[in-house]
Amino acid sequence: MTLQGTCMLYKSGTTSFKVCYTVIVIPVSCLQHSLHSVSLLLYMLIR
């Protein structure tokens, strides 16, 4: 699991603003497993 912070500077006309976001790179099997866990947890919470 790799966390990579990325900052981008957007220029729109005279206004320029900085957008920072975190990109999380996860192997597909790990991603599917965590998605399954999260959906199961949500299902248990909603019930």
N, C-alpha and C. Protein backbone atom coordinates (compact mmCIF):
# COMPACT_ATOMS: atom_id res chain seq x y z
N MET A 1 0.85 -1.19 0.00
CA MET A 1 0.00 0.00 0.00
C MET A 1 0.90 1.24 0.00
N THR A 2 0.72 2.05 -1.00
CA THR A 2 1.58 3.22 -1.16
C THR A 2 0.74 4.49 -1.09
N LEU A 3 1.14 5.40 -0.20
CA LEU A 3 0.46 6.70 -0.12
C LEU A 3 1.34 7.74 -0.77
N GLN A 4 0.76 8.47 -1.71
CA GLN A 4 1.52 9.46 -2.45
C GLN A 4 0.73 10.75 -2.49
N GLY A 5 1.26 11.78 -1.84
CA GLY A 5 0.57 13.07 -1.83
C GLY A 5 0.93 13.85 -3.07
N THR A 6 -0.08 14.39 -3.73
CA THR A 6 0.15 15.13 -4.96
C THR A 6 -0.50 16.49 -4.84
N CYS A 7 0.22 17.52 -5.23
CA CYS A 7 -0.31 18.87 -5.22
C CYS A 7 -0.34 19.40 -6.64
N MET A 8 -1.45 19.99 -7.04
CA MET A 8 -1.58 20.55 -8.37
C MET A 8 -2.01 22.00 -8.26
N LEU A 9 -1.47 22.82 -9.14
CA LEU A 9 -1.82 24.23 -9.14
C LEU A 9 -2.69 24.50 -10.36
N TYR A 10 -3.93 24.89 -10.13
CA TYR A 10 -4.87 25.17 -11.21
C TYR A 10 -4.95 26.67 -11.42
N LYS A 11 -4.87 27.06 -12.68
CA LYS A 11 -5.02 28.48 -13.00
C LYS A 11 -6.31 28.65 -13.79
N SER A 12 -7.19 29.49 -13.28
CA SER A 12 -8.46 29.74 -13.95
C SER A 12 -8.61 31.25 -14.09
N GLY A 13 -8.30 31.75 -15.28
CA GLY A 13 -8.40 33.19 -15.50
C GLY A 13 -7.38 33.91 -14.65
N THR A 14 -7.86 34.78 -13.75
CA THR A 14 -6.95 35.51 -12.86
C THR A 14 -6.80 34.80 -11.53
N THR A 15 -7.65 33.78 -11.29
CA THR A 15 -7.62 33.08 -10.02
C THR A 15 -6.80 31.81 -10.13
N SER A 16 -5.87 31.63 -9.22
CA SER A 16 -5.08 30.40 -9.19
C SER A 16 -5.21 29.79 -7.80
N PHE A 17 -5.53 28.51 -7.75
CA PHE A 17 -5.67 27.86 -6.45
C PHE A 17 -4.99 26.50 -6.49
N LYS A 18 -4.57 26.07 -5.33
CA LYS A 18 -3.81 24.83 -5.21
C LYS A 18 -4.71 23.72 -4.68
N VAL A 19 -4.66 22.59 -5.35
CA VAL A 19 -5.46 21.44 -4.93
C VAL A 19 -4.52 20.33 -4.51
N CYS A 20 -4.62 19.92 -3.26
CA CYS A 20 -3.79 18.83 -2.76
C CYS A 20 -4.67 17.62 -2.48
N TYR A 21 -4.21 16.49 -2.95
CA TYR A 21 -4.97 15.27 -2.71
C TYR A 21 -4.00 14.11 -2.54
N THR A 22 -4.49 13.04 -1.96
CA THR A 22 -3.67 11.87 -1.70
C THR A 22 -4.10 10.74 -2.62
N VAL A 23 -3.12 10.19 -3.31
CA VAL A 23 -3.40 9.08 -4.20
C VAL A 23 -2.99 7.80 -3.49
N ILE A 24 -3.92 6.89 -3.33
CA ILE A 24 -3.64 5.63 -2.66
C ILE A 24 -3.58 4.52 -3.71
N VAL A 25 -2.42 3.88 -3.79
CA VAL A 25 -2.23 2.81 -4.77
C VAL A 25 -2.26 1.48 -4.03
N ILE A 26 -3.23 0.65 -4.36
CA ILE A 26 -3.40 -0.63 -3.69
C ILE A 26 -3.51 -1.73 -4.75
N PRO A 27 -2.91 -2.88 -4.53
CA PRO A 27 -3.11 -4.00 -5.45
C PRO A 27 -4.59 -4.35 -5.58
N VAL A 28 -4.95 -4.92 -6.73
CA VAL A 28 -6.37 -5.15 -7.03
C VAL A 28 -7.01 -6.10 -6.03
N SER A 29 -6.32 -7.17 -5.67
CA SER A 29 -6.92 -8.14 -4.74
C SER A 29 -7.15 -7.51 -3.38
N CYS A 30 -6.18 -6.69 -2.93
CA CYS A 30 -6.32 -6.02 -1.65
C CYS A 30 -7.47 -5.02 -1.72
N LEU A 31 -7.60 -4.34 -2.85
CA LEU A 31 -8.68 -3.36 -3.03
C LEU A 31 -10.04 -4.06 -2.99
N GLN A 32 -10.15 -5.18 -3.69
CA GLN A 32 -11.41 -5.93 -3.69
C GLN A 32 -11.74 -6.39 -2.27
N HIS A 33 -10.73 -6.85 -1.54
CA HIS A 33 -10.96 -7.33 -0.18
C HIS A 33 -11.44 -6.19 0.71
N SER A 34 -10.81 -5.02 0.61
CA SER A 34 -11.22 -3.91 1.47
C SER A 34 -12.60 -3.40 1.06
N LEU A 35 -12.90 -3.40 -0.23
CA LEU A 35 -14.24 -3.00 -0.68
C LEU A 35 -15.29 -3.94 -0.11
N HIS A 36 -14.99 -5.24 -0.14
CA HIS A 36 -15.91 -6.23 0.41
C HIS A 36 -16.10 -6.01 1.90
N SER A 37 -15.00 -5.74 2.62
CA SER A 37 -15.09 -5.51 4.06
C SER A 37 -15.91 -4.27 4.36
N VAL A 38 -15.69 -3.20 3.59
CA VAL A 38 -16.41 -1.95 3.83
C VAL A 38 -17.90 -2.13 3.55
N SER A 39 -18.23 -2.81 2.44
CA SER A 39 -19.65 -3.01 2.12
C SER A 39 -20.32 -3.89 3.17
N LEU A 40 -19.60 -4.89 3.66
CA LEU A 40 -20.14 -5.76 4.71
C LEU A 40 -20.39 -4.96 5.98
N LEU A 41 -19.42 -4.08 6.33
CA LEU A 41 -19.54 -3.25 7.52
C LEU A 41 -20.73 -2.30 7.38
N LEU A 42 -20.87 -1.67 6.21
CA LEU A 42 -22.00 -0.77 5.98
C LEU A 42 -23.32 -1.53 6.07
N TYR A 43 -23.35 -2.73 5.51
CA TYR A 43 -24.57 -3.55 5.56
C TYR A 43 -24.95 -3.86 7.01
N MET A 44 -23.94 -4.17 7.83
CA MET A 44 -24.21 -4.47 9.23
C MET A 44 -24.65 -3.22 9.99
N LEU A 45 -24.11 -2.06 9.61
CA LEU A 45 -24.48 -0.82 10.28
C LEU A 45 -25.90 -0.39 9.91
N ILE A 46 -26.26 -0.57 8.63
CA ILE A 46 -27.57 -0.11 8.17
C ILE A 46 -28.69 -0.97 8.75
N ARG A 47 -28.43 -2.26 8.91
CA ARG A 47 -29.47 -3.15 9.42
C ARG A 47 -30.00 -2.71 10.78
